[in-house]
Amino acid sequence: MNDSSPQKRSRSYLLPVEDIEFLLRDEMRDIRFALEYAKAELLLRDWGIRSTIIVFGSSRVVSPEEAARLKAEARSDEQRRHAERCGRLGAYYAAAREFGRIASERGGSAHPQHRWRDNVIATGGGPGIMEAANRGAHDAGAPSIGFNITLPTEQEPNPYTTPALTFRFHYFAMRKMHLAMRANALVAFPGGFGTFDELFEILTLVQSRKAPPVPIVVYGEAYWRRVIDFDALVEEGAIDPEDLKLFEFADTPEQAWESLARRGLKAHTGD
């Protein structure tokens, strides 16, 4: 009897979906891109998630509990300064958590209507402000989404995203697309480059009419006015005065929710 085992062991004999080496070839990038789109799209659809509220902010902010621990354990001046800074920024963590709870309770994500869920909290899935917003949704008994990204320094998903709605992307562009395409609103807490990236991505899409107008809240007016001179952009002609009306500032979770509602966010609570 002829032995065909060498043929069966050959990589060429594998089905394409079984051949990881083949799928990772440069020439298959378009297929991998499509797969990243389809996987998240179909799983979100299975959950009936129709719209989201994006919450972004610094991954370096720690919870008040962690800030208290750092303060108690600080021994050197440098450690004390670090603990003091963490304590100050911890107020943003608490606010993001409270906003996540308010938005989940009042926006309807905990109460599907005819199987659809709206205004589901969606974050980048990591620590800091993102964890806080997911934690607030968790406090409300509502699902929330984590759109994680593979980075050189591996980002762990925070423990408050709904496990079945915790995704991981290789391509930043596809992650951005999923963050933006269902967004009913954006709340940007203090943060760095990543937060700037998401905020200005949505602002640009709305400004250029590539996306429909959505309520945008920039949380922590003092912080944002210190790090970005929005008025100077108008004075220099880089943006129009009307562009400053694309967003509002808020300094409390209640103000943030009220701004979203005033600017057109529709709650889906079934009331």
C-alpha atoms as a PDB file:
ATOM      1  CA  MET A   1       0.000   0.000   0.000  1.00  0.00           C
ATOM      2  CA  ASN A   2       1.344   3.426  -0.960  1.00  0.00           C
ATOM      3  CA  ASP A   3       2.200   5.732   1.974  1.00  0.00           C
ATOM      4  CA  SER A   4       0.796   9.258   1.551  1.00  0.00           C
ATOM      5  CA  SER A   5       1.801  10.523   5.000  1.00  0.00           C
ATOM      6  CA  PRO A   6       4.532  12.883   3.634  1.00  0.00           C
ATOM      7  CA  GLN A   7       1.892  14.579   1.497  1.00  0.00           C
ATOM      8  CA  LYS A   8      -0.490  14.907   4.432  1.00  0.00           C
ATOM      9  CA  ARG A   9       2.252  16.415   6.610  1.00  0.00           C
ATOM     10  CA  SER A  10       3.045  19.060   4.020  1.00  0.00           C
ATOM     11  CA  ARG A  11       1.921  22.616   4.853  1.00  0.00           C
ATOM     12  CA  SER A  12       0.430  22.850   1.383  1.00  0.00           C
ATOM     13  CA  TYR A  13      -2.086  20.163   2.387  1.00  0.00           C
ATOM     14  CA  LEU A  14      -3.447  22.243   5.268  1.00  0.00           C
ATOM     15  CA  LEU A  15      -6.694  24.057   4.759  1.00  0.00           C
ATOM     16  CA  PRO A  16      -5.941  27.782   4.440  1.00  0.00           C
ATOM     17  CA  VAL A  17      -7.728  28.530   7.746  1.00  0.00           C
ATOM     18  CA  GLU A  18      -5.482  25.981   9.476  1.00  0.00           C
ATOM     19  CA  ASP A  19      -2.227  27.357   8.060  1.00  0.00           C
ATOM     20  CA  ILE A  20      -1.110  30.187  10.344  1.00  0.00           C
ATOM     21  CA  GLU A  21       2.180  30.622   8.486  1.00  0.00           C
ATOM     22  CA  PHE A  22       0.244  31.204   5.269  1.00  0.00           C
ATOM     23  CA  LEU A  23      -2.231  33.611   6.895  1.00  0.00           C
ATOM     24  CA  LEU A  24       0.651  35.690   8.285  1.00  0.00           C
ATOM     25  CA  ARG A  25       2.304  36.268   4.906  1.00  0.00           C
ATOM     26  CA  ASP A  26       2.548  39.915   3.820  1.00  0.00           C
ATOM     27  CA  GLU A  27       0.413  39.142   0.789  1.00  0.00           C
ATOM     28  CA  MET A  28      -2.486  38.130   3.072  1.00  0.00           C
ATOM     29  CA  ARG A  29      -2.660  41.445   4.931  1.00  0.00           C
ATOM     30  CA  ASP A  30      -5.922  42.432   3.241  1.00  0.00           C
ATOM     31  CA  ILE A  31      -7.512  39.157   4.377  1.00  0.00           C
ATOM     32  CA  ARG A  32      -6.310  39.638   7.955  1.00  0.00           C
ATOM     33  CA  PHE A  33      -7.680  43.192   7.876  1.00  0.00           C
ATOM     34  CA  ALA A  34     -11.065  41.905   6.737  1.00  0.00           C
ATOM     35  CA  LEU A  35     -11.042  39.224   9.430  1.00  0.00           C
ATOM     36  CA  GLU A  36     -10.408  41.808  12.153  1.00  0.00           C
ATOM     37  CA  TYR A  37     -13.380  43.781  10.896  1.00  0.00           C
ATOM     38  CA  ALA A  38     -15.686  40.779  10.564  1.00  0.00           C
ATOM     39  CA  LYS A  39     -14.957  39.135  13.905  1.00  0.00           C
ATOM     40  CA  ALA A  40     -15.772  42.182  16.022  1.00  0.00           C
ATOM     41  CA  GLU A  41     -18.693  43.176  13.784  1.00  0.00           C
ATOM     42  CA  LEU A  42     -20.390  39.805  13.985  1.00  0.00           C
ATOM     43  CA  LEU A  43     -19.876  39.305  17.711  1.00  0.00           C
ATOM     44  CA  LEU A  44     -21.195  42.792  18.475  1.00  0.00           C
ATOM     45  CA  ARG A  45     -24.168  42.093  16.246  1.00  0.00           C
ATOM     46  CA  ASP A  46     -24.764  38.783  18.045  1.00  0.00           C
ATOM     47  CA  TRP A  47     -25.027  40.778  21.276  1.00  0.00           C
ATOM     48  CA  GLY A  48     -27.414  43.229  19.634  1.00  0.00           C
ATOM     49  CA  ILE A  49     -25.098  46.186  20.205  1.00  0.00           C
ATOM     50  CA  ARG A  50     -26.350  48.963  17.967  1.00  0.00           C
ATOM     51  CA  SER A  51     -24.610  52.011  19.419  1.00  0.00           C
ATOM     52  CA  THR A  52     -21.937  52.961  21.935  1.00  0.00           C
ATOM     53  CA  ILE A  53     -20.602  55.792  24.072  1.00  0.00           C
ATOM     54  CA  ILE A  54     -16.830  55.957  23.738  1.00  0.00           C
ATOM     55  CA  VAL A  55     -14.844  56.845  26.854  1.00  0.00           C
ATOM     56  CA  PHE A  56     -11.140  57.518  26.536  1.00  0.00           C
ATOM     57  CA  GLY A  57      -8.453  58.869  28.838  1.00  0.00           C
ATOM     58  CA  SER A  58      -5.069  58.146  30.305  1.00  0.00           C
ATOM     59  CA  SER A  59      -4.094  54.551  30.975  1.00  0.00           C
ATOM     60  CA  ARG A  60      -1.722  55.853  33.671  1.00  0.00           C
ATOM     61  CA  VAL A  61      -4.423  57.071  36.041  1.00  0.00           C
ATOM     62  CA  VAL A  62      -4.869  54.770  39.037  1.00  0.00           C
ATOM     63  CA  SER A  63      -7.896  54.089  41.188  1.00  0.00           C
ATOM     64  CA  PRO A  64      -8.315  55.968  44.489  1.00  0.00           C
ATOM     65  CA  GLU A  65      -7.667  52.662  46.268  1.00  0.00           C
ATOM     66  CA  GLU A  66      -4.343  52.231  44.479  1.00  0.00           C
ATOM     67  CA  ALA A  67      -3.433  55.884  45.090  1.00  0.00           C
ATOM     68  CA  ALA A  68      -4.068  55.402  48.815  1.00  0.00           C
ATOM     69  CA  ARG A  69      -1.862  52.307  48.827  1.00  0.00           C
ATOM     70  CA  LEU A  70       0.973  54.177  47.091  1.00  0.00           C
ATOM     71  CA  LYS A  71       0.706  57.014  49.599  1.00  0.00           C
ATOM     72  CA  ALA A  72       0.812  54.634  52.562  1.00  0.00           C
ATOM     73  CA  GLU A  73       3.856  52.804  51.189  1.00  0.00           C
ATOM     74  CA  ALA A  74       5.816  55.884  50.047  1.00  0.00           C
ATOM     75  CA  ARG A  75       9.181  56.200  51.743  1.00  0.00           C
ATOM     76  CA  SER A  76      11.256  58.538  49.571  1.00  0.00           C
ATOM     77  CA  ASP A  77      10.456  62.078  48.407  1.00  0.00           C
ATOM     78  CA  GLU A  78      10.153  60.794  44.851  1.00  0.00           C
ATOM     79  CA  GLN A  79       7.694  58.101  45.925  1.00  0.00           C
ATOM     80  CA  ARG A  80       5.679  60.662  47.876  1.00  0.00           C
ATOM     81  CA  ARG A  81       5.538  63.014  44.884  1.00  0.00           C
ATOM     82  CA  HIS A  82       4.417  60.124  42.687  1.00  0.00           C
ATOM     83  CA  ALA A  83       1.751  59.119  45.215  1.00  0.00           C
ATOM     84  CA  GLU A  84       0.538  62.717  45.462  1.00  0.00           C
ATOM     85  CA  ARG A  85       0.222  62.965  41.667  1.00  0.00           C
ATOM     86  CA  CYS A  86      -1.618  59.636  41.540  1.00  0.00           C
ATOM     87  CA  GLY A  87      -3.987  60.830  44.265  1.00  0.00           C
ATOM     88  CA  ARG A  88      -4.739  64.002  42.334  1.00  0.00           C
ATOM     89  CA  LEU A  89      -5.400  62.113  39.106  1.00  0.00           C
ATOM     90  CA  GLY A  90      -7.409  59.491  40.994  1.00  0.00           C
ATOM     91  CA  ALA A  91     -10.301  61.958  41.021  1.00  0.00           C
ATOM     92  CA  TYR A  92     -10.572  61.444  37.252  1.00  0.00           C
ATOM     93  CA  TYR A  93     -10.743  57.672  37.764  1.00  0.00           C
ATOM     94  CA  ALA A  94     -13.619  58.112  40.211  1.00  0.00           C
ATOM     95  CA  ALA A  95     -15.392  60.479  37.813  1.00  0.00           C
ATOM     96  CA  ALA A  96     -15.008  58.115  34.847  1.00  0.00           C
ATOM     97  CA  ARG A  97     -16.359  55.256  36.938  1.00  0.00           C
ATOM     98  CA  GLU A  98     -19.355  57.352  38.004  1.00  0.00           C
ATOM     99  CA  PHE A  99     -19.977  58.469  34.429  1.00  0.00           C
ATOM    100  CA  GLY A 100     -19.855  54.855  33.216  1.00  0.00           C
ATOM    101  CA  ARG A 101     -22.497  53.944  35.772  1.00  0.00           C
ATOM    102  CA  ILE A 102     -24.738  56.922  34.972  1.00  0.00           C
ATOM    103  CA  ALA A 103     -24.521  56.392  31.220  1.00  0.00           C
ATOM    104  CA  SER A 104     -25.220  52.669  31.535  1.00  0.00           C
ATOM    105  CA  GLU A 105     -28.237  53.188  33.784  1.00  0.00           C
ATOM    106  CA  ARG A 106     -29.744  56.132  31.912  1.00  0.00           C
ATOM    107  CA  GLY A 107     -28.625  55.367  28.375  1.00  0.00           C
ATOM    108  CA  GLY A 108     -30.288  51.991  28.163  1.00  0.00           C
ATOM    109  CA  SER A 109     -27.356  49.611  27.654  1.00  0.00           C
ATOM    110  CA  ALA A 110     -28.557  47.452  30.545  1.00  0.00           C
ATOM    111  CA  HIS A 111     -32.022  47.182  28.996  1.00  0.00           C
ATOM    112  CA  PRO A 112     -32.116  45.742  25.463  1.00  0.00           C
ATOM    113  CA  GLN A 113     -35.067  46.860  23.363  1.00  0.00           C
ATOM    114  CA  HIS A 114     -36.259  44.186  20.930  1.00  0.00           C
ATOM    115  CA  ARG A 115     -32.823  42.551  21.394  1.00  0.00           C
ATOM    116  CA  TRP A 116     -30.900  45.791  20.578  1.00  0.00           C
ATOM    117  CA  ARG A 117     -28.642  47.541  23.069  1.00  0.00           C
ATOM    118  CA  ASP A 118     -27.794  51.221  22.716  1.00  0.00           C
ATOM    119  CA  ASN A 119     -25.246  53.544  24.328  1.00  0.00           C
ATOM    120  CA  VAL A 120     -23.025  50.688  25.514  1.00  0.00           C
ATOM    121  CA  ILE A 121     -19.826  51.960  27.142  1.00  0.00           C
ATOM    122  CA  ALA A 122     -16.865  51.238  24.849  1.00  0.00           C
ATOM    123  CA  THR A 123     -13.222  51.875  25.746  1.00  0.00           C
ATOM    124  CA  GLY A 124      -9.766  50.884  24.618  1.00  0.00           C
ATOM    125  CA  GLY A 125     -10.013  48.044  27.122  1.00  0.00           C
ATOM    126  CA  GLY A 126      -6.906  48.899  29.095  1.00  0.00           C
ATOM    127  CA  PRO A 127      -6.190  50.296  32.560  1.00  0.00           C
ATOM    128  CA  GLY A 128      -6.714  53.784  33.988  1.00  0.00           C
ATOM    129  CA  ILE A 129      -9.671  55.823  32.739  1.00  0.00           C
ATOM    130  CA  MET A 130     -10.722  52.988  30.437  1.00  0.00           C
ATOM    131  CA  GLU A 131     -10.895  50.558  33.340  1.00  0.00           C
ATOM    132  CA  ALA A 132     -12.847  53.099  35.366  1.00  0.00           C
ATOM    133  CA  ALA A 133     -15.539  53.573  32.705  1.00  0.00           C
ATOM    134  CA  ASN A 134     -15.896  49.818  32.197  1.00  0.00           C
ATOM    135  CA  ARG A 135     -16.048  49.428  35.972  1.00  0.00           C
ATOM    136  CA  GLY A 136     -18.901  51.932  36.164  1.00  0.00           C
ATOM    137  CA  ALA A 137     -20.864  49.944  33.592  1.00  0.00           C
ATOM    138  CA  HIS A 138     -20.112  46.803  35.604  1.00  0.00           C
ATOM    139  CA  ASP A 139     -21.428  48.553  38.736  1.00  0.00           C
ATOM    140  CA  ALA A 140     -24.689  49.155  36.854  1.00  0.00           C
ATOM    141  CA  GLY A 141     -24.958  45.515  35.789  1.00  0.00           C
ATOM    142  CA  ALA A 142     -24.573  46.530  32.140  1.00  0.00           C
ATOM    143  CA  PRO A 143     -22.296  45.055  29.465  1.00  0.00           C
ATOM    144  CA  SER A 144     -19.362  47.091  28.207  1.00  0.00           C
ATOM    145  CA  ILE A 145     -16.827  46.745  25.424  1.00  0.00           C
ATOM    146  CA  GLY A 146     -13.026  46.703  25.433  1.00  0.00           C
ATOM    147  CA  PHE A 147     -11.270  47.294  22.113  1.00  0.00           C
ATOM    148  CA  ASN A 148      -7.733  46.276  23.065  1.00  0.00           C
ATOM    149  CA  ILE A 149      -4.688  46.622  20.829  1.00  0.00           C
ATOM    150  CA  THR A 150      -1.555  44.481  20.595  1.00  0.00           C
ATOM    151  CA  LEU A 151       1.422  46.632  21.609  1.00  0.00           C
ATOM    152  CA  PRO A 152       5.167  45.983  22.012  1.00  0.00           C
ATOM    153  CA  THR A 153       4.578  46.240  25.766  1.00  0.00           C
ATOM    154  CA  GLU A 154       1.571  43.953  26.029  1.00  0.00           C
ATOM    155  CA  GLN A 155      -1.625  45.632  27.219  1.00  0.00           C
ATOM    156  CA  GLU A 156      -3.702  43.442  29.484  1.00  0.00           C
ATOM    157  CA  PRO A 157      -7.478  43.784  29.274  1.00  0.00           C
ATOM    158  CA  ASN A 158      -8.967  45.291  32.387  1.00  0.00           C
ATOM    159  CA  PRO A 159     -11.177  42.955  34.485  1.00  0.00           C
ATOM    160  CA  TYR A 160     -14.399  44.964  34.042  1.00  0.00           C
ATOM    161  CA  THR A 161     -15.078  44.590  30.328  1.00  0.00           C
ATOM    162  CA  THR A 162     -17.656  41.955  29.443  1.00  0.00           C
ATOM    163  CA  PRO A 163     -15.537  38.894  28.538  1.00  0.00           C
ATOM    164  CA  ALA A 164     -17.510  38.146  25.360  1.00  0.00           C
ATOM    165  CA  LEU A 165     -17.083  41.790  24.310  1.00  0.00           C
ATOM    166  CA  THR A 166     -13.339  41.997  24.972  1.00  0.00           C
ATOM    167  CA  PHE A 167     -11.557  42.241  21.623  1.00  0.00           C
ATOM    168  CA  ARG A 168      -7.935  42.464  20.563  1.00  0.00           C
ATOM    169  CA  PHE A 169      -6.755  44.141  17.378  1.00  0.00           C
ATOM    170  CA  HIS A 170      -3.468  44.163  15.529  1.00  0.00           C
ATOM    171  CA  TYR A 171      -4.333  47.083  13.244  1.00  0.00           C
ATOM    172  CA  PHE A 172      -4.869  50.488  14.832  1.00  0.00           C
ATOM    173  CA  ALA A 173      -6.943  51.530  11.811  1.00  0.00           C
ATOM    174  CA  MET A 174      -9.443  48.715  12.300  1.00  0.00           C
ATOM    175  CA  ARG A 175      -9.675  49.377  16.014  1.00  0.00           C
ATOM    176  CA  LYS A 176     -10.347  53.058  15.291  1.00  0.00           C
ATOM    177  CA  MET A 177     -13.030  52.112  12.790  1.00  0.00           C
ATOM    178  CA  HIS A 178     -14.867  49.928  15.306  1.00  0.00           C
ATOM    179  CA  LEU A 179     -14.598  52.626  17.968  1.00  0.00           C
ATOM    180  CA  ALA A 180     -16.062  55.263  15.651  1.00  0.00           C
ATOM    181  CA  MET A 181     -18.632  53.458  13.554  1.00  0.00           C
ATOM    182  CA  ARG A 182     -21.221  52.875  16.330  1.00  0.00           C
ATOM    183  CA  ALA A 183     -20.419  55.903  18.460  1.00  0.00           C
ATOM    184  CA  ASN A 184     -23.421  57.889  19.668  1.00  0.00           C
ATOM    185  CA  ALA A 185     -21.088  60.056  21.760  1.00  0.00           C
ATOM    186  CA  LEU A 186     -17.513  60.513  22.978  1.00  0.00           C
ATOM    187  CA  VAL A 187     -16.263  61.552  26.404  1.00  0.00           C
ATOM    188  CA  ALA A 188     -12.549  62.341  26.503  1.00  0.00           C
ATOM    189  CA  PHE A 189     -10.983  62.436  29.958  1.00  0.00           C
ATOM    190  CA  PRO A 190      -7.462  63.793  30.562  1.00  0.00           C
ATOM    191  CA  GLY A 191      -4.861  61.738  28.773  1.00  0.00           C
ATOM    192  CA  GLY A 192      -1.859  61.701  26.484  1.00  0.00           C
ATOM    193  CA  PHE A 193      -1.137  60.903  22.859  1.00  0.00           C
ATOM    194  CA  GLY A 194      -3.622  58.040  22.622  1.00  0.00           C
ATOM    195  CA  THR A 195      -6.435  60.137  24.059  1.00  0.00           C
ATOM    196  CA  PHE A 196      -5.554  63.060  21.771  1.00  0.00           C
ATOM    197  CA  ASP A 197      -5.597  60.654  18.854  1.00  0.00           C
ATOM    198  CA  GLU A 198      -9.113  59.401  19.600  1.00  0.00           C
ATOM    199  CA  LEU A 199     -10.507  62.846  20.417  1.00  0.00           C
ATOM    200  CA  PHE A 200      -9.187  64.505  17.291  1.00  0.00           C
ATOM    201  CA  GLU A 201     -10.123  61.505  15.156  1.00  0.00           C
ATOM    202  CA  ILE A 202     -13.792  61.945  16.067  1.00  0.00           C
ATOM    203  CA  LEU A 203     -13.605  65.751  15.898  1.00  0.00           C
ATOM    204  CA  THR A 204     -12.093  65.524  12.420  1.00  0.00           C
ATOM    205  CA  LEU A 205     -14.703  63.047  11.188  1.00  0.00           C
ATOM    206  CA  VAL A 206     -17.512  65.293  12.418  1.00  0.00           C
ATOM    207  CA  GLN A 207     -15.873  68.526  11.248  1.00  0.00           C
ATOM    208  CA  SER A 208     -15.297  67.099   7.760  1.00  0.00           C
ATOM    209  CA  ARG A 209     -18.791  65.565   7.681  1.00  0.00           C
ATOM    210  CA  LYS A 210     -17.367  62.093   7.189  1.00  0.00           C
ATOM    211  CA  ALA A 211     -19.428  61.096  10.218  1.00  0.00           C
ATOM    212  CA  PRO A 212     -22.775  62.403  11.480  1.00  0.00           C
ATOM    213  CA  PRO A 213     -22.682  64.949  14.320  1.00  0.00           C
ATOM    214  CA  VAL A 214     -22.384  63.291  17.733  1.00  0.00           C
ATOM    215  CA  PRO A 215     -22.167  64.852  21.208  1.00  0.00           C
ATOM    216  CA  ILE A 216     -18.548  65.229  22.309  1.00  0.00           C
ATOM    217  CA  VAL A 217     -17.580  66.055  25.898  1.00  0.00           C
ATOM    218  CA  VAL A 218     -14.065  67.035  26.939  1.00  0.00           C
ATOM    219  CA  TYR A 219     -13.835  66.259  30.655  1.00  0.00           C
ATOM    220  CA  GLY A 220     -11.708  68.411  32.942  1.00  0.00           C
ATOM    221  CA  GLU A 221     -11.679  71.910  31.422  1.00  0.00           C
ATOM    222  CA  ALA A 222      -8.651  73.156  33.362  1.00  0.00           C
ATOM    223  CA  TYR A 223      -6.537  70.226  32.174  1.00  0.00           C
ATOM    224  CA  TRP A 224      -7.505  70.519  28.533  1.00  0.00           C
ATOM    225  CA  ARG A 225      -7.148  74.301  28.360  1.00  0.00           C
ATOM    226  CA  ARG A 226      -3.679  73.967  29.871  1.00  0.00           C
ATOM    227  CA  VAL A 227      -2.458  71.344  27.388  1.00  0.00           C
ATOM    228  CA  ILE A 228      -4.265  72.621  24.250  1.00  0.00           C
ATOM    229  CA  ASP A 229      -4.902  76.272  23.400  1.00  0.00           C
ATOM    230  CA  PHE A 230      -8.113  75.831  21.430  1.00  0.00           C
ATOM    231  CA  ASP A 231      -8.614  79.599  21.134  1.00  0.00           C
ATOM    232  CA  ALA A 232      -5.164  79.970  19.566  1.00  0.00           C
ATOM    233  CA  LEU A 233      -6.211  77.534  16.824  1.00  0.00           C
ATOM    234  CA  VAL A 234      -9.045  79.918  15.962  1.00  0.00           C
ATOM    235  CA  GLU A 235      -6.814  82.996  16.184  1.00  0.00           C
ATOM    236  CA  GLU A 236      -4.298  81.413  13.832  1.00  0.00           C
ATOM    237  CA  GLY A 237      -7.032  80.448  11.365  1.00  0.00           C
ATOM    238  CA  ALA A 238      -6.312  76.742  11.766  1.00  0.00           C
ATOM    239  CA  ILE A 239      -9.962  76.067  12.634  1.00  0.00           C
ATOM    240  CA  ASP A 240     -13.177  78.068  12.360  1.00  0.00           C
ATOM    241  CA  PRO A 241     -14.813  79.625  15.437  1.00  0.00           C
ATOM    242  CA  GLU A 242     -17.801  77.337  14.781  1.00  0.00           C
ATOM    243  CA  ASP A 243     -15.535  74.305  15.240  1.00  0.00           C
ATOM    244  CA  LEU A 244     -15.290  75.051  18.957  1.00  0.00           C
ATOM    245  CA  LYS A 245     -19.002  74.243  19.153  1.00  0.00           C
ATOM    246  CA  LEU A 246     -18.297  70.630  18.175  1.00  0.00           C
ATOM    247  CA  PHE A 247     -17.602  69.847  21.835  1.00  0.00           C
ATOM    248  CA  GLU A 248     -18.381  71.005  25.361  1.00  0.00           C
ATOM    249  CA  PHE A 249     -16.385  70.927  28.564  1.00  0.00           C
ATOM    250  CA  ALA A 250     -17.627  69.189  31.710  1.00  0.00           C
ATOM    251  CA  ASP A 251     -16.221  68.940  35.211  1.00  0.00           C
ATOM    252  CA  THR A 252     -18.588  66.448  36.852  1.00  0.00           C
ATOM    253  CA  PRO A 253     -20.098  63.160  35.651  1.00  0.00           C
ATOM    254  CA  GLU A 254     -23.575  64.716  35.865  1.00  0.00           C
ATOM    255  CA  GLN A 255     -22.481  67.641  33.704  1.00  0.00           C
ATOM    256  CA  ALA A 256     -21.044  65.210  31.170  1.00  0.00           C
ATOM    257  CA  TRP A 257     -24.285  63.241  30.959  1.00  0.00           C
ATOM    258  CA  GLU A 258     -26.395  66.397  30.792  1.00  0.00           C
ATOM    259  CA  SER A 259     -24.229  67.726  27.962  1.00  0.00           C
ATOM    260  CA  LEU A 260     -24.668  64.528  25.954  1.00  0.00           C
ATOM    261  CA  ALA A 261     -28.428  64.568  26.491  1.00  0.00           C
ATOM    262  CA  ARG A 262     -28.727  68.270  25.677  1.00  0.00           C
ATOM    263  CA  ARG A 263     -26.743  67.805  22.474  1.00  0.00           C
ATOM    264  CA  GLY A 264     -28.964  65.020  21.217  1.00  0.00           C
ATOM    265  CA  LEU A 265     -27.997  61.696  22.792  1.00  0.00           C
ATOM    266  CA  LYS A 266     -31.153  59.593  22.905  1.00  0.00           C
ATOM    267  CA  ALA A 267     -31.652  57.310  25.895  1.00  0.00           C
ATOM    268  CA  HIS A 268     -33.129  53.877  25.190  1.00  0.00           C
ATOM    269  CA  THR A 269     -34.555  52.753  28.503  1.00  0.00           C
ATOM    270  CA  GLY A 270     -37.998  51.611  27.405  1.00  0.00           C
ATOM    271  CA  ASP A 271     -39.634  54.135  29.746  1.00  0.00           C
END
